[in-house]
Amino acid sequence: MSSPDTEQLATTPLPVGDPAVPERRRFWRGLTGSLAAGMVVLATCVLVIAGICLFTAAPGPGPLMLIGHPVAAVLAVAAQRIADARTGRVAGFAGLGVVVSVTAALSLFWWS
C-alpha cells in the first residue's frame, strides 16, 4: 500500500483579542453586554414566576412588571447590538442606552 500524498499545513495561533480595540472599549462593551444579558435573564424570571403564580393562584407580579421587563430587555439587547456593530460615539451612546434602560427598569420596578 502506498501512503497518500499529504502536505504540512501552516498553523497560526488564534488571536486573544482584537488588538485594534483598546482595553477600555472592550471593558465597556463587556460591561454593557453583561447588563443586557442580565436584563434578559431577569425578564425571563419575572415571566416564569408570573406563570407559576397564575397556575397556583398566588399573587404575582403586576401587569406593569410583566410588560416593563421584556420591553427593557429588548431595548437593552437592541442597543447592545448597535454598540457591538459600530465604533466611536455611536457605540458609546448605544452602550449608554443599555445602562439607562437597565437602570430605569431596576429603579422603576425594584426600588421600594
Protein backbone atom coordinates (compact mmCIF):
# COMPACT_ATOMS: atom_id res chain seq x y z
CA MET A 1 0.00 0.00 0.00
CA SER A 2 1.23 3.44 -0.77
CA SER A 3 0.71 6.36 1.55
CA PRO A 4 -1.47 9.23 0.34
CA ASP A 5 0.20 12.44 -0.70
CA THR A 6 -0.06 14.95 2.11
CA GLU A 7 1.36 18.33 2.79
CA GLN A 8 2.09 20.09 6.02
CA LEU A 9 -0.33 22.94 6.73
CA ALA A 10 0.91 26.07 8.41
CA THR A 11 -0.66 26.77 11.77
CA THR A 12 -1.12 30.19 13.24
CA PRO A 13 -2.16 30.86 16.83
CA LEU A 14 -5.64 32.24 17.39
CA PRO A 15 -5.69 35.91 18.40
CA VAL A 16 -6.53 36.53 22.05
CA GLY A 17 -8.28 39.81 21.43
CA ASP A 18 -8.66 42.36 18.71
CA PRO A 19 -5.51 44.49 19.07
CA ALA A 20 -7.22 47.36 17.25
CA VAL A 21 -9.78 47.75 20.05
CA PRO A 22 -8.36 49.41 23.17
CA GLU A 23 -8.81 47.72 26.54
CA ARG A 24 -11.19 50.48 27.71
CA ARG A 25 -13.63 49.83 24.86
CA ARG A 26 -13.53 46.08 25.42
CA PHE A 27 -14.34 46.65 29.11
CA TRP A 28 -17.25 48.97 28.25
CA ARG A 29 -18.69 46.54 25.70
CA GLY A 30 -18.29 43.67 28.13
CA LEU A 31 -19.99 45.61 30.91
CA THR A 32 -22.94 46.70 28.78
CA GLY A 33 -23.23 43.23 27.28
CA SER A 34 -23.40 41.74 30.76
CA LEU A 35 -26.07 44.25 31.77
CA ALA A 36 -28.15 43.46 28.67
CA ALA A 37 -27.83 39.70 29.27
CA GLY A 38 -28.74 40.16 32.91
CA MET A 39 -31.84 42.10 31.92
CA VAL A 40 -32.90 39.26 29.62
CA VAL A 41 -32.45 36.76 32.48
CA LEU A 42 -34.41 38.99 34.86
CA ALA A 43 -37.26 39.45 32.36
CA THR A 44 -37.39 35.69 31.79
CA CYS A 45 -37.50 35.03 35.53
CA VAL A 46 -40.31 37.55 36.03
CA LEU A 47 -42.37 35.93 33.26
CA VAL A 48 -41.75 32.40 34.60
CA ILE A 49 -42.72 33.48 38.12
CA ALA A 50 -45.88 35.10 36.76
CA GLY A 51 -46.76 31.83 35.02
CA ILE A 52 -46.21 29.87 38.22
CA CYS A 53 -48.32 32.34 40.17
CA LEU A 54 -51.05 32.07 37.56
CA PHE A 55 -51.28 28.28 37.98
CA THR A 56 -51.01 28.32 41.78
CA ALA A 57 -53.44 31.22 42.27
CA ALA A 58 -50.80 33.11 44.23
CA PRO A 59 -50.35 36.87 43.94
CA GLY A 60 -47.59 37.61 41.46
CA PRO A 61 -46.05 40.48 39.57
CA GLY A 62 -48.44 43.03 38.19
CA PRO A 63 -49.07 43.83 34.53
CA LEU A 64 -46.67 46.79 34.60
CA MET A 65 -43.79 44.50 35.61
CA LEU A 66 -44.85 41.88 33.04
CA ILE A 67 -44.69 44.45 30.26
CA GLY A 68 -41.83 46.61 31.51
CA HIS A 69 -39.19 43.93 32.00
CA PRO A 70 -39.39 42.42 28.48
CA VAL A 71 -39.50 45.90 26.92
CA ALA A 72 -36.40 46.95 28.87
CA ALA A 73 -34.67 43.70 27.88
CA VAL A 74 -35.46 44.19 24.18
CA LEU A 75 -34.25 47.79 24.30
CA ALA A 76 -31.04 46.77 26.08
CA VAL A 77 -30.27 43.97 23.63
CA ALA A 78 -31.01 46.19 20.61
CA ALA A 79 -28.74 48.91 21.95
CA GLN A 80 -26.03 46.35 22.71
CA ARG A 81 -26.16 45.01 19.16
CA ILE A 82 -25.60 48.56 17.90
CA ALA A 83 -22.75 49.05 20.37
CA ASP A 84 -21.11 45.83 19.18
CA ALA A 85 -21.52 46.62 15.48
CA ARG A 86 -20.43 50.26 15.50
CA THR A 87 -17.47 52.25 16.75
CA GLY A 88 -16.92 55.73 18.11
CA ARG A 89 -19.62 57.90 19.58
CA VAL A 90 -22.46 55.81 18.20
CA ALA A 91 -21.18 52.75 20.08
CA GLY A 92 -20.67 54.82 23.23
CA PHE A 93 -24.18 56.23 23.14
CA ALA A 94 -25.64 52.80 22.40
CA GLY A 95 -23.81 51.43 25.46
CA LEU A 96 -25.16 54.33 27.47
CA GLY A 97 -28.63 53.36 26.21
CA VAL A 98 -28.10 49.88 27.65
CA VAL A 99 -27.14 51.33 31.03
CA VAL A 100 -30.11 53.74 31.02
CA SER A 101 -32.59 51.04 30.05
CA VAL A 102 -31.39 48.60 32.72
CA THR A 103 -31.15 51.32 35.37
CA ALA A 104 -34.65 52.57 34.56
CA ALA A 105 -36.12 49.07 34.80
CA LEU A 106 -34.39 48.31 38.07
CA SER A 107 -35.26 51.64 39.67
CA LEU A 108 -38.88 51.67 38.49
CA PHE A 109 -39.75 48.06 39.33
CA TRP A 110 -37.45 47.10 42.19
CA TRP A 111 -36.88 50.30 44.18
CA SER A 112 -39.11 50.20 47.24
